[in-house]
Amino acid sequence: MKTLSDFAVTTITGDAMPLSSLAGGVTLVVNVASQCGLTPQYAGLEALYRSYHDQGLTVLGCPCNQFGAQEPGTEATIVQFCSTKYNVTFPLTSKLNVNGDATDPFWEWMKSEKPGLLGTTSIKWNFTKFLIGRDGQVIKRFDPTTAPSDMIPDIERALAATSAP
C-alpha cells in the first residue's frame, strides 16, 4: 500500500521535495490558483498553517492552471503574488496537473484513495483539498468551496492521532 512517503514533488523554486520529509505529520494538500473566485482561501490556509504547524500540520499548495486558466503566471509570479497578497509561508509546488494524461502521480494517488462525489476521481475545480494523516494515508477529500476554517475539526482529530507503528 502506498503512502505519502512514496511520492516527491518539485517545489516552486525548482528543488526536489521528497514527501517523506512530511512523514509523521499531518498534511493538507490543495490545488491553488491566483485568479480564481476561491483565491481568498489562501488567507484561511495560511491561518491554519500558522495555527497548527507547531503541532505537525503542513499545508502544501499545488498551483494548477487546468481550470479556466486561472493560474497563468510563472512560478516567480505565483511566489510574488502569494507572498505579497496573502503572506503565504507554507510550501508551494511547481505548477502541476491534477487531471488528464499528465496528472502528477501524487495527485493520481490521492484521487484514487478518496474519490469525489459518486466515485469520480476527477478534480472538479481549484481549491480541492486532501487531508493526509500521520500514517501517510489520505483521510478525507474536501470540496473546493469548503472553507479552511470548516476543516479544523478534521485537522485537530488528525493531529491528535498517533502514526501507525
C-alpha atoms as a PDB file:
ATOM      1  CA  MET A   1       0.000   0.000   0.000  1.00  0.00           C
ATOM      2  CA  LYS A   2       1.378   3.404  -0.978  1.00  0.00           C
ATOM      3  CA  THR A   3       1.709   6.303   1.438  1.00  0.00           C
ATOM      4  CA  LEU A   4       2.632   9.971   1.243  1.00  0.00           C
ATOM      5  CA  SER A   5       6.300   8.992   1.633  1.00  0.00           C
ATOM      6  CA  ASP A   6       6.256   7.157  -1.716  1.00  0.00           C
ATOM      7  CA  PHE A   7       5.977  10.428  -3.644  1.00  0.00           C
ATOM      8  CA  ALA A   8       8.020  13.516  -4.410  1.00  0.00           C
ATOM      9  CA  VAL A   9       7.149  16.893  -5.860  1.00  0.00           C
ATOM     10  CA  THR A  10       9.138  19.782  -7.248  1.00  0.00           C
ATOM     11  CA  THR A  11       8.976  22.930  -5.149  1.00  0.00           C
ATOM     12  CA  ILE A  12       8.020  26.232  -6.705  1.00  0.00           C
ATOM     13  CA  THR A  13      11.723  27.157  -6.626  1.00  0.00           C
ATOM     14  CA  GLY A  14      12.648  24.040  -8.616  1.00  0.00           C
ATOM     15  CA  ASP A  15      14.017  21.861  -5.818  1.00  0.00           C
ATOM     16  CA  ALA A  16      13.102  18.205  -5.383  1.00  0.00           C
ATOM     17  CA  MET A  17      10.937  17.636  -2.301  1.00  0.00           C
ATOM     18  CA  PRO A  18      10.552  14.023  -1.239  1.00  0.00           C
ATOM     19  CA  LEU A  19       7.251  13.881   0.608  1.00  0.00           C
ATOM     20  CA  SER A  20       8.883  11.515   3.076  1.00  0.00           C
ATOM     21  CA  SER A  21      10.060  14.809   4.618  1.00  0.00           C
ATOM     22  CA  LEU A  22       6.450  15.240   5.814  1.00  0.00           C
ATOM     23  CA  ALA A  23       6.171  11.713   7.275  1.00  0.00           C
ATOM     24  CA  GLY A  24       4.714  11.557  10.762  1.00  0.00           C
ATOM     25  CA  GLY A  25       2.921  14.867  10.356  1.00  0.00           C
ATOM     26  CA  VAL A  26      -0.484  15.814   9.008  1.00  0.00           C
ATOM     27  CA  THR A  27      -0.580  17.294   5.511  1.00  0.00           C
ATOM     28  CA  LEU A  28      -3.324  19.328   3.851  1.00  0.00           C
ATOM     29  CA  VAL A  29      -2.780  19.329   0.076  1.00  0.00           C
ATOM     30  CA  VAL A  30      -4.622  21.932  -2.020  1.00  0.00           C
ATOM     31  CA  ASN A  31      -4.637  22.725  -5.736  1.00  0.00           C
ATOM     32  CA  VAL A  32      -4.397  26.517  -5.774  1.00  0.00           C
ATOM     33  CA  ALA A  33      -4.808  29.299  -8.325  1.00  0.00           C
ATOM     34  CA  SER A  34      -4.193  33.038  -8.141  1.00  0.00           C
ATOM     35  CA  GLN A  35      -7.074  34.245 -10.320  1.00  0.00           C
ATOM     36  CA  CYS A  36      -9.956  32.146  -9.003  1.00  0.00           C
ATOM     37  CA  GLY A  37     -13.026  33.259  -7.092  1.00  0.00           C
ATOM     38  CA  LEU A  38     -11.819  30.942  -4.321  1.00  0.00           C
ATOM     39  CA  THR A  39      -8.320  32.503  -4.187  1.00  0.00           C
ATOM     40  CA  PRO A  40      -9.135  34.324  -0.902  1.00  0.00           C
ATOM     41  CA  GLN A  41      -8.935  30.853   0.710  1.00  0.00           C
ATOM     42  CA  TYR A  42      -5.164  31.430   0.712  1.00  0.00           C
ATOM     43  CA  ALA A  43      -5.718  33.584   3.828  1.00  0.00           C
ATOM     44  CA  GLY A  44      -7.534  30.785   5.645  1.00  0.00           C
ATOM     45  CA  LEU A  45      -4.994  28.183   4.560  1.00  0.00           C
ATOM     46  CA  GLU A  46      -2.166  30.366   5.865  1.00  0.00           C
ATOM     47  CA  ALA A  47      -4.062  30.844   9.149  1.00  0.00           C
ATOM     48  CA  LEU A  48      -4.372  27.057   9.514  1.00  0.00           C
ATOM     49  CA  TYR A  49      -0.684  26.615   8.770  1.00  0.00           C
ATOM     50  CA  ARG A  50       0.360  29.223  11.329  1.00  0.00           C
ATOM     51  CA  SER A  51      -2.041  27.915  13.985  1.00  0.00           C
ATOM     52  CA  TYR A  52      -1.236  24.218  13.674  1.00  0.00           C
ATOM     53  CA  HIS A  53       2.249  23.965  12.161  1.00  0.00           C
ATOM     54  CA  ASP A  54       3.894  23.558  15.576  1.00  0.00           C
ATOM     55  CA  GLN A  55       1.552  20.606  16.213  1.00  0.00           C
ATOM     56  CA  GLY A  56       2.608  18.915  12.966  1.00  0.00           C
ATOM     57  CA  LEU A  57       0.414  20.362  10.191  1.00  0.00           C
ATOM     58  CA  THR A  58       1.869  21.213   6.807  1.00  0.00           C
ATOM     59  CA  VAL A  59      -0.240  22.903   4.152  1.00  0.00           C
ATOM     60  CA  LEU A  60       1.079  22.098   0.674  1.00  0.00           C
ATOM     61  CA  GLY A  61      -0.183  24.342  -2.105  1.00  0.00           C
ATOM     62  CA  CYS A  62      -0.041  22.959  -5.641  1.00  0.00           C
ATOM     63  CA  PRO A  63      -0.578  25.627  -8.304  1.00  0.00           C
ATOM     64  CA  CYS A  64      -2.623  24.350 -11.225  1.00  0.00           C
ATOM     65  CA  ASN A  65      -3.695  26.079 -14.441  1.00  0.00           C
ATOM     66  CA  GLN A  66      -6.227  23.453 -15.584  1.00  0.00           C
ATOM     67  CA  PHE A  67      -9.412  25.252 -14.508  1.00  0.00           C
ATOM     68  CA  GLY A  68     -10.279  28.316 -16.558  1.00  0.00           C
ATOM     69  CA  ALA A  69      -6.552  29.135 -16.951  1.00  0.00           C
ATOM     70  CA  GLN A  70      -6.716  30.775 -13.524  1.00  0.00           C
ATOM     71  CA  GLU A  71      -3.018  30.200 -12.741  1.00  0.00           C
ATOM     72  CA  PRO A  72      -1.335  31.511 -15.915  1.00  0.00           C
ATOM     73  CA  GLY A  73       1.761  33.025 -14.304  1.00  0.00           C
ATOM     74  CA  THR A  74       5.265  31.716 -13.922  1.00  0.00           C
ATOM     75  CA  GLU A  75       6.454  30.191 -10.673  1.00  0.00           C
ATOM     76  CA  ALA A  76       8.153  33.507  -9.811  1.00  0.00           C
ATOM     77  CA  THR A  77       4.887  35.378 -10.418  1.00  0.00           C
ATOM     78  CA  ILE A  78       3.000  32.912  -8.221  1.00  0.00           C
ATOM     79  CA  VAL A  79       5.518  33.279  -5.373  1.00  0.00           C
ATOM     80  CA  GLN A  80       5.322  37.072  -5.590  1.00  0.00           C
ATOM     81  CA  PHE A  81       1.506  37.038  -5.592  1.00  0.00           C
ATOM     82  CA  CYS A  82       1.242  34.611  -2.677  1.00  0.00           C
ATOM     83  CA  SER A  83       3.787  36.396  -0.519  1.00  0.00           C
ATOM     84  CA  THR A  84       2.624  39.960  -1.152  1.00  0.00           C
ATOM     85  CA  LYS A  85      -1.149  39.446  -1.299  1.00  0.00           C
ATOM     86  CA  TYR A  86      -1.603  36.677   1.322  1.00  0.00           C
ATOM     87  CA  ASN A  87       1.760  36.486   3.137  1.00  0.00           C
ATOM     88  CA  VAL A  88       1.888  32.756   2.374  1.00  0.00           C
ATOM     89  CA  THR A  89       4.639  30.912   4.230  1.00  0.00           C
ATOM     90  CA  PHE A  90       3.503  27.327   3.623  1.00  0.00           C
ATOM     91  CA  PRO A  91       5.318  25.354   0.906  1.00  0.00           C
ATOM     92  CA  LEU A  92       4.219  25.536  -2.722  1.00  0.00           C
ATOM     93  CA  THR A  93       4.997  23.104  -5.519  1.00  0.00           C
ATOM     94  CA  SER A  94       5.769  23.993  -9.084  1.00  0.00           C
ATOM     95  CA  LYS A  95       2.709  24.128 -11.331  1.00  0.00           C
ATOM     96  CA  LEU A  96       1.295  20.677 -11.931  1.00  0.00           C
ATOM     97  CA  ASN A  97      -1.674  18.875 -13.456  1.00  0.00           C
ATOM     98  CA  VAL A  98      -4.335  17.277 -11.290  1.00  0.00           C
ATOM     99  CA  ASN A  99      -6.403  15.801 -14.140  1.00  0.00           C
ATOM    100  CA  GLY A 100      -5.759  14.268 -17.550  1.00  0.00           C
ATOM    101  CA  ASP A 101      -2.966  12.232 -19.102  1.00  0.00           C
ATOM    102  CA  ALA A 102      -0.240  14.328 -17.467  1.00  0.00           C
ATOM    103  CA  THR A 103      -1.680  14.133 -13.924  1.00  0.00           C
ATOM    104  CA  ASP A 104       1.011  14.313 -11.277  1.00  0.00           C
ATOM    105  CA  PRO A 105       1.432  10.808  -9.733  1.00  0.00           C
ATOM    106  CA  PHE A 106       0.933  12.191  -6.211  1.00  0.00           C
ATOM    107  CA  TRP A 107      -2.443  13.639  -7.230  1.00  0.00           C
ATOM    108  CA  GLU A 108      -3.360  10.441  -9.073  1.00  0.00           C
ATOM    109  CA  TRP A 109      -2.789   8.532  -5.827  1.00  0.00           C
ATOM    110  CA  MET A 110      -4.800  10.957  -3.651  1.00  0.00           C
ATOM    111  CA  LYS A 111      -7.714  10.934  -6.105  1.00  0.00           C
ATOM    112  CA  SER A 112      -7.791   7.131  -6.193  1.00  0.00           C
ATOM    113  CA  GLU A 113      -7.620   6.920  -2.384  1.00  0.00           C
ATOM    114  CA  LYS A 114     -10.523   9.332  -1.820  1.00  0.00           C
ATOM    115  CA  PRO A 115     -12.772   9.647  -4.868  1.00  0.00           C
ATOM    116  CA  GLY A 116     -15.219  12.502  -5.028  1.00  0.00           C
ATOM    117  CA  LEU A 117     -18.980  12.571  -5.337  1.00  0.00           C
ATOM    118  CA  LEU A 118     -20.415   9.439  -6.966  1.00  0.00           C
ATOM    119  CA  GLY A 119     -16.962   7.862  -7.080  1.00  0.00           C
ATOM    120  CA  THR A 120     -15.469  10.267  -9.595  1.00  0.00           C
ATOM    121  CA  THR A 121     -11.735  10.686  -9.304  1.00  0.00           C
ATOM    122  CA  SER A 122     -11.513  13.909 -11.329  1.00  0.00           C
ATOM    123  CA  ILE A 123     -10.779  17.148  -9.540  1.00  0.00           C
ATOM    124  CA  LYS A 124     -13.656  19.473 -10.323  1.00  0.00           C
ATOM    125  CA  TRP A 125     -12.086  22.860  -9.580  1.00  0.00           C
ATOM    126  CA  ASN A 126      -9.343  24.834  -7.869  1.00  0.00           C
ATOM    127  CA  PHE A 127      -9.013  24.529  -4.091  1.00  0.00           C
ATOM    128  CA  THR A 128      -9.953  20.865  -3.820  1.00  0.00           C
ATOM    129  CA  LYS A 129      -8.277  19.676  -0.628  1.00  0.00           C
ATOM    130  CA  PHE A 130      -6.942  16.346   0.661  1.00  0.00           C
ATOM    131  CA  LEU A 131      -6.106  15.700   4.315  1.00  0.00           C
ATOM    132  CA  ILE A 132      -3.358  13.133   4.890  1.00  0.00           C
ATOM    133  CA  GLY A 133      -2.804  11.660   8.339  1.00  0.00           C
ATOM    134  CA  ARG A 134       0.325  10.938  10.349  1.00  0.00           C
ATOM    135  CA  ASP A 135       0.350   7.410   8.904  1.00  0.00           C
ATOM    136  CA  GLY A 136       0.693   8.817   5.370  1.00  0.00           C
ATOM    137  CA  GLN A 137      -2.812   7.769   4.309  1.00  0.00           C
ATOM    138  CA  VAL A 138      -5.482  10.041   2.811  1.00  0.00           C
ATOM    139  CA  ILE A 139      -8.128  10.712   5.454  1.00  0.00           C
ATOM    140  CA  LYS A 140     -10.581  12.947   3.639  1.00  0.00           C
ATOM    141  CA  ARG A 141     -11.250  14.892   0.451  1.00  0.00           C
ATOM    142  CA  PHE A 142     -12.808  18.348   0.728  1.00  0.00           C
ATOM    143  CA  ASP A 143     -14.840  20.205  -1.856  1.00  0.00           C
ATOM    144  CA  PRO A 144     -13.357  23.400  -3.369  1.00  0.00           C
ATOM    145  CA  THR A 145     -15.913  25.563  -1.552  1.00  0.00           C
ATOM    146  CA  THR A 146     -15.096  24.095   1.876  1.00  0.00           C
ATOM    147  CA  ALA A 147     -13.649  26.968   3.876  1.00  0.00           C
ATOM    148  CA  PRO A 148     -10.315  26.264   5.558  1.00  0.00           C
ATOM    149  CA  SER A 149     -11.864  27.043   8.970  1.00  0.00           C
ATOM    150  CA  ASP A 150     -14.515  24.347   8.378  1.00  0.00           C
ATOM    151  CA  MET A 151     -11.738  21.723   8.249  1.00  0.00           C
ATOM    152  CA  ILE A 152     -10.471  22.480  11.771  1.00  0.00           C
ATOM    153  CA  PRO A 153     -12.308  19.575  13.497  1.00  0.00           C
ATOM    154  CA  ASP A 154     -10.865  17.079  10.972  1.00  0.00           C
ATOM    155  CA  ILE A 155      -7.388  18.604  11.235  1.00  0.00           C
ATOM    156  CA  GLU A 156      -7.468  18.533  15.035  1.00  0.00           C
ATOM    157  CA  ARG A 157      -8.561  14.858  15.019  1.00  0.00           C
ATOM    158  CA  ALA A 158      -5.753  14.023  12.610  1.00  0.00           C
ATOM    159  CA  LEU A 159      -3.198  15.884  14.712  1.00  0.00           C
ATOM    160  CA  ALA A 160      -4.388  14.072  17.859  1.00  0.00           C
ATOM    161  CA  ALA A 161      -3.940  10.654  16.223  1.00  0.00           C
ATOM    162  CA  THR A 162      -0.681   8.807  16.565  1.00  0.00           C
ATOM    163  CA  SER A 163       1.002   7.438  13.490  1.00  0.00           C
ATOM    164  CA  ALA A 164       0.788   3.742  12.697  1.00  0.00           C
ATOM    165  CA  PRO A 165       3.662   1.583  14.006  1.00  0.00           C
END
